[in-house]
Amino acid sequence: MSKNELNVEDLVFNEDRRESDYLELPLSKQTFWLMGCAIFLFVIIAFGRSAYLNVIRASFYQDRSLANLHRELELPAPRGIIRDRFGKPLVENKNSFSAFLQVGELLRNHKDIDLVAEKISEILNQDADDLKNFINQANLEKRGAIALARNISRSQTIDLVGLNIPEIEISSDYVREYPDPQAFSHILGYIGESETARELEGQSGIEAEYNAVLRGVAGRMLVYRDAKGKILDKKIAEPPTTGSDLITTVDGELQKFFYDRMKSSLAMLGRDSGVGIALNPQNGEVLALVSLPSFDNNNVSKYLSGRSQPLFNRAISGQYTPGSTIKPLVALAALREKIVDPAFQVLSTGSIEIPNPYDPENPSRFLDWKAHGWVNLHSALARSSNVYFYQIGGGFERFKGLGIERLHEYWEKFLLGQKTGIDLPAESSGSLPDPEEKEARTGQIWRIGDTYNVSIGQGDLLLTPIQLLSFIASVANGGKIYRPHFV
């Protein structure tokens, strides 16, 4: 055998060679000790983590596991009943069913939203694209679910359940029903969706103003499901609490009579808008309030657009020139300021003329509605003479009238230009004329003609009907101003 040949036996069995090629390095006791500690520590950590998850946090993960199978539903609370002064109900609660969609669960379960929306819209007779947008725009932070439809029919309920989509909930609910919708619409108002979607809340009228009283407290129901989402059992964890009833100052029969007569009278004049209020001057109780055109608060959606604005409550939000109804206040101010006494007379020839600074050759003429002849305070009020109130309000020739500053002072004494505080939302404050505001707005200074106009309730003087009636009531009761109210 040559020196260059390699023998397998020598390679495998030659002990001397193996001993010479390998060097044994024995481990120290310290190394063994450190390795043992590391293994022991690893075992302790693993055991502790297992114990933590299986013992200490067991209930938490069990609850999370059950939450994936079980669901807590909100049980809507019936709203309180609004009644007239004699206890007659003006609104009712009707049992119904509503359909909700758990959008968050739908997304977590990777369901096809477009397909789900198409199936639902077909049953509920809704536009599929609108429903898709509604689902996609849902605010999941504020809403656990979105309301698909309320007051659904029995057949729709069966069809929705038949879709076998666990994220769709059919819940018992209540529908607000108004027996005399048009007559009471602006008093009662209406309800609509809240931010939580489950609960309906007041959007206008008494329904909105006293929503916290009427709403009640929702209950809770636990729904138990199996792994496939099939409902196994239901349990009421907390029953709902019905909202409180409200007794109002409204005379129900007077309200309906008032509404019918106003509507028919306006129709005879070829008109459809107007306001009527019946107020007790001794305490501010509102007995009736009509704003025309009105609306059906059982079906508000069809009134959301339109030039006639039926949802606008003209009685508390509309601002109008008061006309001759302001003359008693001007007369009172003139007496208190000793501008005139009851016997003071003015000759009304049908108009009054004052110099025109813009055209001296053509004096400014302010008309009366007729030539009344000589009138004193009583006859001027009885006949509503404009010329008399032009003079005591703005003055004429050498006679010095109240002037805009004192008129403004007396408007404020009777709380005009500010809200009355009536317990309905969206009340306006009206607008009192102001010389500085006029000059800033128009670039023109305040002139005596402006004072003439506001002295007969025209020009820039704007009041709400409820403001005007509150003032008139104070004249009738000897000077006391009560806050108009329904409750």
Protein backbone atom coordinates (compact mmCIF):
# COMPACT_ATOMS: atom_id res chain seq x y z
CA MET A 1 0.00 0.00 0.00
CA SER A 2 1.44 3.33 -0.96
CA LYS A 3 1.75 6.18 1.44
CA ASN A 4 -0.83 8.20 -0.44
CA GLU A 5 -3.62 5.61 -0.15
CA LEU A 6 -6.32 6.08 2.48
CA ASN A 7 -7.53 3.03 4.41
CA VAL A 8 -11.10 3.16 5.66
CA GLU A 9 -10.32 1.01 8.66
CA ASP A 10 -7.52 3.32 9.67
CA LEU A 11 -9.87 6.29 9.42
CA VAL A 12 -12.60 4.71 11.54
CA PHE A 13 -10.82 2.48 13.98
CA ASN A 14 -7.46 4.02 14.56
CA GLU A 15 -7.81 5.12 18.21
CA ASP A 16 -4.43 6.72 18.37
CA ARG A 17 -5.25 8.95 15.44
CA ARG A 18 -8.65 9.88 16.89
CA GLU A 19 -7.15 10.78 20.20
CA SER A 20 -4.58 12.93 18.49
CA ASP A 21 -7.17 14.73 16.28
CA TYR A 22 -9.72 15.63 19.02
CA LEU A 23 -9.29 17.69 22.13
CA GLU A 24 -11.73 17.18 25.03
CA LEU A 25 -12.75 20.35 26.93
CA PRO A 26 -14.50 19.43 30.20
CA LEU A 27 -17.32 21.84 31.44
CA SER A 28 -16.84 23.56 34.75
CA LYS A 29 -19.23 23.24 37.70
CA GLN A 30 -20.12 26.95 37.33
CA THR A 31 -21.27 26.39 33.75
CA PHE A 32 -23.46 23.48 34.80
CA TRP A 33 -24.93 25.61 37.60
CA LEU A 34 -25.78 28.52 35.28
CA MET A 35 -27.39 26.23 32.72
CA GLY A 36 -29.45 24.58 35.42
CA CYS A 37 -30.64 27.92 36.74
CA ALA A 38 -31.62 29.07 33.24
CA ILE A 39 -33.63 25.90 32.61
CA PHE A 40 -35.29 26.17 36.03
CA LEU A 41 -36.17 29.85 35.44
CA PHE A 42 -37.65 29.04 32.04
CA VAL A 43 -39.83 26.32 33.58
CA ILE A 44 -40.99 28.67 36.34
CA ILE A 45 -41.92 31.42 33.82
CA ALA A 46 -43.76 28.99 31.56
CA PHE A 47 -45.64 27.50 34.50
CA GLY A 48 -46.49 30.95 35.90
CA ARG A 49 -47.76 32.22 32.57
CA SER A 50 -49.88 29.12 32.14
CA ALA A 51 -51.29 29.52 35.65
CA TYR A 52 -52.02 33.23 35.01
CA LEU A 53 -53.90 32.54 31.80
CA ASN A 54 -55.76 29.48 33.07
CA VAL A 55 -56.55 30.56 36.62
CA ILE A 56 -56.27 34.30 37.20
CA ARG A 57 -57.38 35.46 33.73
CA ALA A 58 -59.63 32.52 33.05
CA SER A 59 -62.85 34.45 33.66
CA PHE A 60 -61.70 37.30 31.41
CA TYR A 61 -60.97 35.06 28.45
CA GLN A 62 -64.08 33.06 29.14
CA ASP A 63 -66.10 36.27 29.01
CA ARG A 64 -64.42 37.25 25.74
CA SER A 65 -65.13 33.85 24.32
CA LEU A 66 -68.75 34.04 25.41
CA ALA A 67 -69.00 37.58 24.04
CA ASN A 68 -68.26 36.20 20.62
CA LEU A 69 -71.21 33.85 21.02
CA HIS A 70 -73.54 35.90 23.23
CA ARG A 71 -74.81 39.44 22.82
CA GLU A 72 -76.30 42.08 25.08
CA LEU A 73 -79.19 43.98 23.49
CA GLU A 74 -80.67 47.26 24.60
CA LEU A 75 -84.38 47.14 25.36
CA PRO A 76 -85.96 50.49 24.42
CA ALA A 77 -87.91 52.25 27.14
CA PRO A 78 -91.42 53.48 26.27
CA ARG A 79 -91.54 57.28 26.26
CA GLY A 80 -93.82 59.06 28.68
CA ILE A 81 -97.25 60.19 27.49
CA ILE A 82 -97.93 63.89 26.85
CA ARG A 83 -101.40 64.88 28.03
CA ASP A 84 -103.57 67.99 27.87
CA ARG A 85 -104.67 69.92 30.95
CA PHE A 86 -107.57 67.50 31.49
CA GLY A 87 -105.39 64.38 31.30
CA LYS A 88 -106.36 63.38 27.77
CA PRO A 89 -103.41 61.75 25.94
CA LEU A 90 -102.10 63.72 22.96
CA VAL A 91 -99.66 60.98 21.92
CA GLU A 92 -99.52 57.19 22.19
CA ASN A 93 -96.90 54.43 22.15
CA LYS A 94 -97.54 51.60 19.69
CA ASN A 95 -95.76 48.24 19.96
CA SER A 96 -93.67 47.41 16.91
CA PHE A 97 -90.50 45.70 15.68
CA SER A 98 -87.33 47.34 14.43
CA ALA A 99 -84.37 45.93 12.51
CA PHE A 100 -80.77 46.76 13.46
CA LEU A 101 -77.43 45.82 11.93
CA GLN A 102 -74.26 45.21 13.96
CA VAL A 103 -71.84 46.78 11.49
CA GLY A 104 -68.77 46.16 13.65
CA GLU A 105 -69.49 42.45 13.85
CA LEU A 106 -70.21 42.38 10.14
CA LEU A 107 -66.73 43.74 9.44
CA ARG A 108 -65.00 41.49 11.96
CA ASN A 109 -66.68 38.46 10.43
CA HIS A 110 -65.50 39.55 6.95
CA LYS A 111 -69.00 39.58 5.51
CA ASP A 112 -69.65 41.03 2.06
CA ILE A 113 -71.32 44.36 2.91
CA ASP A 114 -72.58 44.91 -0.63
CA LEU A 115 -74.24 41.50 -0.73
CA VAL A 116 -75.78 41.94 2.73
CA ALA A 117 -77.07 45.41 1.80
CA GLU A 118 -78.68 44.10 -1.39
CA LYS A 119 -80.50 41.32 0.47
CA ILE A 120 -81.73 43.68 3.19
CA SER A 121 -82.79 46.46 0.81
CA GLU A 122 -84.89 44.04 -1.22
CA ILE A 123 -86.88 43.06 1.87
CA LEU A 124 -87.22 46.58 3.27
CA ASN A 125 -87.94 48.21 -0.12
CA GLN A 126 -84.93 50.48 0.22
CA ASP A 127 -82.40 51.67 -2.32
CA ALA A 128 -79.43 49.29 -2.15
CA ASP A 129 -76.82 51.98 -2.89
CA ASP A 130 -78.24 54.28 -0.22
CA LEU A 131 -78.14 51.45 2.31
CA LYS A 132 -74.54 50.60 1.37
CA ASN A 133 -73.51 54.22 1.92
CA PHE A 134 -75.39 54.30 5.22
CA ILE A 135 -73.57 51.18 6.42
CA ASN A 136 -70.15 52.38 5.25
CA GLN A 137 -70.59 55.78 6.89
CA ALA A 138 -71.72 54.38 10.25
CA ASN A 139 -69.86 55.86 13.22
CA LEU A 140 -68.86 52.68 15.05
CA GLU A 141 -67.49 54.61 18.02
CA LYS A 142 -70.89 56.11 18.84
CA ARG A 143 -73.12 53.36 17.53
CA GLY A 144 -72.90 49.69 18.31
CA ALA A 145 -75.54 49.14 15.67
CA ILE A 146 -77.43 51.10 13.04
CA ALA A 147 -81.18 51.14 12.64
CA LEU A 148 -82.13 49.58 9.31
CA ALA A 149 -85.86 50.23 9.66
CA ARG A 150 -88.43 50.82 12.37
CA ASN A 151 -92.00 49.61 12.61
CA ILE A 152 -91.37 46.80 10.12
CA SER A 153 -94.19 44.48 9.08
CA ARG A 154 -94.62 40.86 10.15
CA SER A 155 -93.63 39.59 6.70
CA GLN A 156 -90.50 41.77 6.67
CA THR A 157 -89.58 40.44 10.10
CA ILE A 158 -89.90 36.83 8.91
CA ASP A 159 -87.91 37.52 5.74
CA LEU A 160 -85.07 39.24 7.62
CA VAL A 161 -84.83 36.37 10.10
CA GLY A 162 -84.83 33.99 7.13
CA LEU A 163 -81.63 35.56 5.80
CA ASN A 164 -79.83 33.80 8.67
CA ILE A 165 -77.41 36.69 9.10
CA PRO A 166 -76.47 36.80 12.82
CA GLU A 167 -75.47 40.46 12.58
CA ILE A 168 -79.10 41.43 11.87
CA GLU A 169 -81.13 41.98 15.03
CA ILE A 170 -84.91 42.14 15.22
CA SER A 171 -85.88 43.98 18.38
CA SER A 172 -89.19 44.82 20.02
CA ASP A 173 -89.69 48.57 19.87
CA TYR A 174 -92.21 51.38 20.20
CA VAL A 175 -93.54 53.77 17.60
CA ARG A 176 -94.71 57.23 18.65
CA GLU A 177 -98.20 57.81 17.27
CA TYR A 178 -99.98 61.18 17.20
CA PRO A 179 -103.80 60.89 16.95
CA ASP A 180 -104.28 64.52 15.80
CA PRO A 181 -100.99 65.18 14.01
CA GLN A 182 -101.71 68.38 12.10
CA ALA A 183 -103.50 70.21 14.92
CA PHE A 184 -100.83 69.63 17.59
CA SER A 185 -97.69 69.31 15.46
CA HIS A 186 -95.92 72.50 16.53
CA ILE A 187 -96.72 71.96 20.20
CA LEU A 188 -95.78 68.30 20.47
CA GLY A 189 -93.03 68.21 17.84
CA TYR A 190 -91.67 64.85 16.72
CA ILE A 191 -88.97 62.28 17.52
CA GLY A 192 -86.08 60.94 15.44
CA GLU A 193 -82.86 58.94 15.53
CA SER A 194 -80.35 59.60 18.30
CA GLU A 195 -76.58 59.15 18.12
CA THR A 196 -76.85 55.71 19.70
CA ALA A 197 -79.32 54.56 16.98
CA ARG A 198 -81.20 52.39 19.49
CA GLU A 199 -83.12 55.19 21.10
CA LEU A 200 -85.44 57.72 19.52
CA GLU A 201 -85.26 61.22 20.94
CA GLY A 202 -87.21 64.46 20.62
CA GLN A 203 -86.28 66.65 17.67
CA SER A 204 -88.70 69.56 18.15
CA GLY A 205 -91.57 70.79 20.31
CA ILE A 206 -92.31 69.37 23.76
CA GLU A 207 -90.79 66.06 22.64
CA ALA A 208 -87.40 67.80 22.41
CA GLU A 209 -87.75 70.31 25.25
CA TYR A 210 -88.66 67.61 27.78
CA ASN A 211 -86.80 64.70 26.20
CA ALA A 212 -84.92 63.93 29.43
CA VAL A 213 -88.23 63.55 31.28
CA LEU A 214 -90.04 61.59 28.58
CA ARG A 215 -87.27 59.22 27.50
CA GLY A 216 -87.16 56.69 30.35
CA VAL A 217 -84.28 54.26 30.96
CA ALA A 218 -83.44 51.46 28.54
CA GLY A 219 -83.24 47.85 29.74
CA ARG A 220 -80.85 45.00 28.83
CA MET A 221 -81.46 41.59 27.31
CA LEU A 222 -78.87 38.81 27.04
CA VAL A 223 -79.05 36.67 23.90
CA TYR A 224 -77.22 33.33 24.02
CA ARG A 225 -76.00 31.79 20.76
CA ASP A 226 -74.14 28.70 19.69
CA ALA A 227 -70.94 28.71 17.63
CA LYS A 228 -72.96 29.04 14.42
CA GLY A 229 -74.81 32.11 15.68
CA LYS A 230 -78.11 30.33 16.29
CA ILE A 231 -80.08 31.80 19.20
CA LEU A 232 -80.29 29.34 22.09
CA ASP A 233 -81.95 31.47 24.76
CA LYS A 234 -82.86 35.02 25.77
CA LYS A 235 -82.85 36.51 29.24
CA ILE A 236 -83.91 39.97 30.44
CA ALA A 237 -81.08 41.19 32.65
CA GLU A 238 -82.70 44.54 33.39
CA PRO A 239 -86.22 45.59 32.36
CA PRO A 240 -86.72 49.05 30.81
CA THR A 241 -88.19 51.90 32.84
CA THR A 242 -90.97 53.88 31.18
CA GLY A 243 -90.48 57.63 30.92
CA SER A 244 -92.52 60.08 32.96
CA ASP A 245 -95.83 61.48 31.70
CA LEU A 246 -96.32 65.22 31.21
CA ILE A 247 -99.49 67.16 31.99
CA THR A 248 -99.50 70.30 29.83
CA THR A 249 -101.49 73.52 29.98
CA VAL A 250 -103.02 72.81 26.55
CA ASP A 251 -106.80 72.59 26.19
CA GLY A 252 -107.04 69.79 23.64
CA GLU A 253 -110.53 70.61 22.38
CA LEU A 254 -109.77 74.33 22.15
CA GLN A 255 -106.59 73.53 20.21
CA LYS A 256 -108.45 71.44 17.63
CA PHE A 257 -111.22 74.07 17.30
CA PHE A 258 -108.63 76.84 16.98
CA TYR A 259 -106.71 74.92 14.31
CA ASP A 260 -109.80 74.10 12.23
CA ARG A 261 -111.17 77.67 12.34
CA MET A 262 -107.83 79.25 11.49
CA LYS A 263 -107.24 76.92 8.57
CA SER A 264 -110.70 77.45 7.10
CA SER A 265 -110.58 81.24 7.61
CA LEU A 266 -107.20 81.52 5.90
CA ALA A 267 -108.43 79.35 3.04
CA MET A 268 -111.32 81.78 2.48
CA LEU A 269 -108.73 84.55 2.13
CA GLY A 270 -106.63 82.48 -0.26
CA ARG A 271 -103.82 82.08 2.24
CA ASP A 272 -102.23 79.16 4.03
CA SER A 273 -99.88 80.71 6.61
CA GLY A 274 -100.69 82.29 9.94
CA VAL A 275 -100.28 82.13 13.70
CA GLY A 276 -102.75 81.90 16.57
CA ILE A 277 -102.01 81.71 20.30
CA ALA A 278 -104.38 81.53 23.29
CA LEU A 279 -102.62 82.59 26.50
CA ASN A 280 -103.91 82.97 30.05
CA PRO A 281 -102.72 86.49 31.02
CA GLN A 282 -102.96 85.71 34.73
CA ASN A 283 -100.27 83.02 34.77
CA GLY A 284 -98.72 82.61 31.30
CA GLU A 285 -100.30 79.22 30.56
CA VAL A 286 -100.51 78.50 26.84
CA LEU A 287 -103.97 77.07 26.14
CA ALA A 288 -103.56 76.72 22.38
CA LEU A 289 -100.91 77.46 19.77
CA VAL A 290 -101.30 77.10 16.01
CA SER A 291 -98.67 77.73 13.34
CA LEU A 292 -99.77 77.28 9.74
CA PRO A 293 -98.88 75.52 7.59
CA SER A 294 -98.53 72.61 10.00
CA PHE A 295 -97.22 69.09 9.39
CA ASP A 296 -98.00 65.45 10.10
CA ASN A 297 -95.63 64.47 12.89
CA ASN A 298 -96.32 60.80 12.14
CA ASN A 299 -94.51 61.26 8.81
CA VAL A 300 -92.06 64.13 9.02
CA SER A 301 -89.71 63.15 6.19
CA LYS A 302 -92.00 64.41 3.42
CA TYR A 303 -91.92 67.94 4.90
CA LEU A 304 -88.14 68.36 5.02
CA SER A 305 -88.13 70.42 1.82
CA GLY A 306 -90.57 72.90 0.35
CA ARG A 307 -91.04 76.64 0.15
CA SER A 308 -93.90 76.76 2.68
CA GLN A 309 -91.60 75.50 5.50
CA PRO A 310 -94.26 73.64 7.52
CA LEU A 311 -91.69 72.53 10.11
CA PHE A 312 -90.95 76.18 10.96
CA ASN A 313 -92.82 77.24 14.10
CA ARG A 314 -93.90 80.75 13.20
CA ALA A 315 -95.42 81.35 16.63
CA ILE A 316 -92.07 81.36 18.43
CA SER A 317 -89.45 81.60 15.68
CA GLY A 318 -91.01 83.90 13.09
CA GLN A 319 -90.08 87.60 13.31
CA TYR A 320 -92.60 90.10 11.98
CA THR A 321 -93.45 93.78 12.18
CA PRO A 322 -96.15 94.05 14.88
CA GLY A 323 -98.11 96.82 13.15
CA SER A 324 -100.76 98.65 15.14
CA THR A 325 -100.62 96.13 17.99
CA ILE A 326 -97.61 98.09 19.29
CA LYS A 327 -99.63 101.32 19.67
CA PRO A 328 -100.80 100.59 23.25
CA LEU A 329 -97.16 100.44 24.34
CA VAL A 330 -96.41 103.78 22.62
CA ALA A 331 -99.47 105.32 24.30
CA LEU A 332 -98.39 104.01 27.72
CA ALA A 333 -94.86 105.37 27.25
CA ALA A 334 -96.21 108.79 26.21
CA LEU A 335 -98.40 108.96 29.32
CA ARG A 336 -95.61 107.84 31.67
CA GLU A 337 -93.18 110.36 30.15
CA LYS A 338 -95.86 113.09 30.27
CA ILE A 339 -95.59 113.68 26.53
CA VAL A 340 -99.41 113.79 26.38
CA ASP A 341 -102.41 113.38 28.64
CA PRO A 342 -105.54 111.42 27.65
CA ALA A 343 -107.25 114.61 26.41
CA PHE A 344 -104.44 115.70 24.09
CA GLN A 345 -105.80 115.94 20.53
CA VAL A 346 -104.27 115.63 17.07
CA LEU A 347 -105.92 116.44 13.74
CA SER A 348 -105.68 113.55 11.30
CA THR A 349 -106.32 114.70 7.75
CA GLY A 350 -105.20 111.37 6.35
CA SER A 351 -101.45 112.02 6.30
CA ILE A 352 -98.59 113.97 7.80
CA GLU A 353 -95.80 115.71 5.86
CA ILE A 354 -92.24 116.48 6.93
CA PRO A 355 -89.29 118.00 5.01
CA ASN A 356 -87.46 115.60 2.70
CA PRO A 357 -83.67 116.13 3.02
CA TYR A 358 -83.10 114.27 -0.25
CA ASP A 359 -85.66 116.28 -2.23
CA PRO A 360 -86.73 119.54 -0.52
CA GLU A 361 -89.32 120.25 -3.23
CA ASN A 362 -91.18 117.02 -2.38
CA PRO A 363 -91.84 116.59 1.36
CA SER A 364 -92.05 113.08 2.82
CA ARG A 365 -95.63 112.01 3.39
CA PHE A 366 -96.68 109.45 6.00
CA LEU A 367 -100.18 108.13 5.53
CA ASP A 368 -103.01 107.33 7.89
CA TRP A 369 -105.39 104.63 6.76
CA LYS A 370 -108.14 107.30 6.68
CA ALA A 371 -108.79 110.90 7.75
CA HIS A 372 -110.01 110.57 11.36
CA GLY A 373 -110.36 114.25 12.16
CA TRP A 374 -109.60 115.28 15.75
CA VAL A 375 -108.58 112.30 17.90
CA ASN A 376 -107.40 112.01 21.51
CA LEU A 377 -105.59 109.11 23.14
CA HIS A 378 -108.70 106.95 23.55
CA SER A 379 -110.17 107.54 20.11
CA ALA A 380 -106.73 107.23 18.47
CA LEU A 381 -106.37 103.77 20.00
CA ALA A 382 -109.95 102.81 19.14
CA ARG A 383 -109.61 103.97 15.52
CA SER A 384 -105.91 103.05 15.22
CA SER A 385 -104.95 106.49 13.94
CA ASN A 386 -101.45 106.47 12.47
CA VAL A 387 -101.07 110.26 12.46
CA TYR A 388 -101.66 110.46 16.22
CA PHE A 389 -98.91 107.93 16.93
CA TYR A 390 -96.55 109.46 14.38
CA GLN A 391 -96.68 112.65 16.43
CA ILE A 392 -96.44 111.23 19.96
CA GLY A 393 -93.72 108.81 18.84
CA GLY A 394 -91.52 111.05 16.68
CA GLY A 395 -92.86 114.56 17.26
CA PHE A 396 -94.15 117.09 14.74
CA GLU A 397 -93.16 120.71 14.15
CA ARG A 398 -92.91 122.25 17.66
CA PHE A 399 -94.37 119.21 19.41
CA LYS A 400 -91.67 116.96 20.86
CA GLY A 401 -92.44 113.25 20.80
CA LEU A 402 -90.87 110.32 22.63
CA GLY A 403 -87.99 109.80 20.21
CA ILE A 404 -86.24 106.55 19.38
CA GLU A 405 -84.22 106.41 22.63
CA ARG A 406 -87.25 106.45 24.91
CA LEU A 407 -89.19 104.12 22.62
CA HIS A 408 -86.28 101.70 22.84
CA GLU A 409 -86.29 102.02 26.63
CA TYR A 410 -89.96 101.04 26.87
CA TRP A 411 -89.61 98.15 24.44
CA GLU A 412 -86.96 96.78 26.76
CA LYS A 413 -89.13 97.36 29.85
CA PHE A 414 -91.64 94.93 28.35
CA LEU A 415 -88.84 92.47 27.50
CA LEU A 416 -89.18 92.91 23.76
CA GLY A 417 -86.06 92.06 21.81
CA GLN A 418 -85.30 89.05 24.01
CA LYS A 419 -86.64 85.52 24.27
CA THR A 420 -89.70 84.99 26.45
CA GLY A 421 -88.36 81.69 27.77
CA ILE A 422 -91.29 79.63 26.49
CA ASP A 423 -90.57 75.93 26.94
CA LEU A 424 -90.19 75.09 23.27
CA PRO A 425 -86.86 74.92 21.39
CA ALA A 426 -85.71 77.34 18.68
CA GLU A 427 -87.33 80.52 20.00
CA SER A 428 -86.16 83.74 18.33
CA SER A 429 -85.44 86.97 20.19
CA GLY A 430 -86.85 89.44 17.69
CA SER A 431 -85.02 92.61 16.68
CA LEU A 432 -85.25 96.16 18.03
CA PRO A 433 -84.28 99.04 15.72
CA ASP A 434 -81.10 100.89 16.61
CA PRO A 435 -79.79 104.10 14.96
CA GLU A 436 -76.15 103.01 15.17
CA GLU A 437 -76.91 99.58 13.74
CA LYS A 438 -78.84 101.15 10.85
CA GLU A 439 -76.00 103.52 9.98
CA ALA A 440 -73.43 100.70 10.13
CA ARG A 441 -75.63 98.49 7.96
CA THR A 442 -76.91 101.01 5.40
CA GLY A 443 -74.61 104.01 5.68
CA GLN A 444 -77.66 106.22 6.38
CA ILE A 445 -78.38 108.09 9.61
CA TRP A 446 -81.56 107.60 11.61
CA ARG A 447 -84.25 110.14 10.65
CA ILE A 448 -87.58 111.18 12.08
CA GLY A 449 -89.33 109.15 9.39
CA ASP A 450 -87.74 106.02 10.84
CA THR A 451 -89.18 106.91 14.25
CA TYR A 452 -92.60 107.44 12.66
CA ASN A 453 -92.49 103.97 11.14
CA VAL A 454 -91.56 102.13 14.33
CA SER A 455 -94.15 104.14 16.29
CA ILE A 456 -96.88 102.34 14.33
CA GLY A 457 -95.11 98.97 14.41
CA GLN A 458 -93.44 99.14 10.99
CA GLY A 459 -89.86 99.60 9.80
CA ASP A 460 -87.08 97.71 11.54
CA LEU A 461 -89.11 96.67 14.60
CA LEU A 462 -89.47 92.87 14.49
CA LEU A 463 -91.19 90.74 17.13
CA THR A 464 -92.19 87.11 17.44
CA PRO A 465 -95.91 86.42 17.92
CA ILE A 466 -95.29 84.99 21.40
CA GLN A 467 -93.38 88.16 22.38
CA LEU A 468 -96.23 90.33 21.18
CA LEU A 469 -98.85 88.29 23.02
CA SER A 470 -96.77 88.32 26.19
CA PHE A 471 -96.73 92.12 26.05
CA ILE A 472 -100.48 92.32 25.37
CA ALA A 473 -101.14 89.94 28.29
CA SER A 474 -99.18 92.27 30.58
CA VAL A 475 -101.42 95.15 29.54
CA ALA A 476 -104.48 93.02 30.29
CA ASN A 477 -103.32 91.90 33.75
CA GLY A 478 -102.10 95.24 35.04
CA GLY A 479 -98.44 95.11 34.08
CA LYS A 480 -97.22 91.66 35.14
CA ILE A 481 -95.11 89.71 32.66
CA TYR A 482 -95.34 85.94 33.02
CA ARG A 483 -93.18 83.45 31.18
CA PRO A 484 -95.35 81.65 28.60
CA HIS A 485 -95.26 77.93 29.30
CA PHE A 486 -96.79 74.53 28.50
CA VAL A 487 -95.61 72.63 31.58
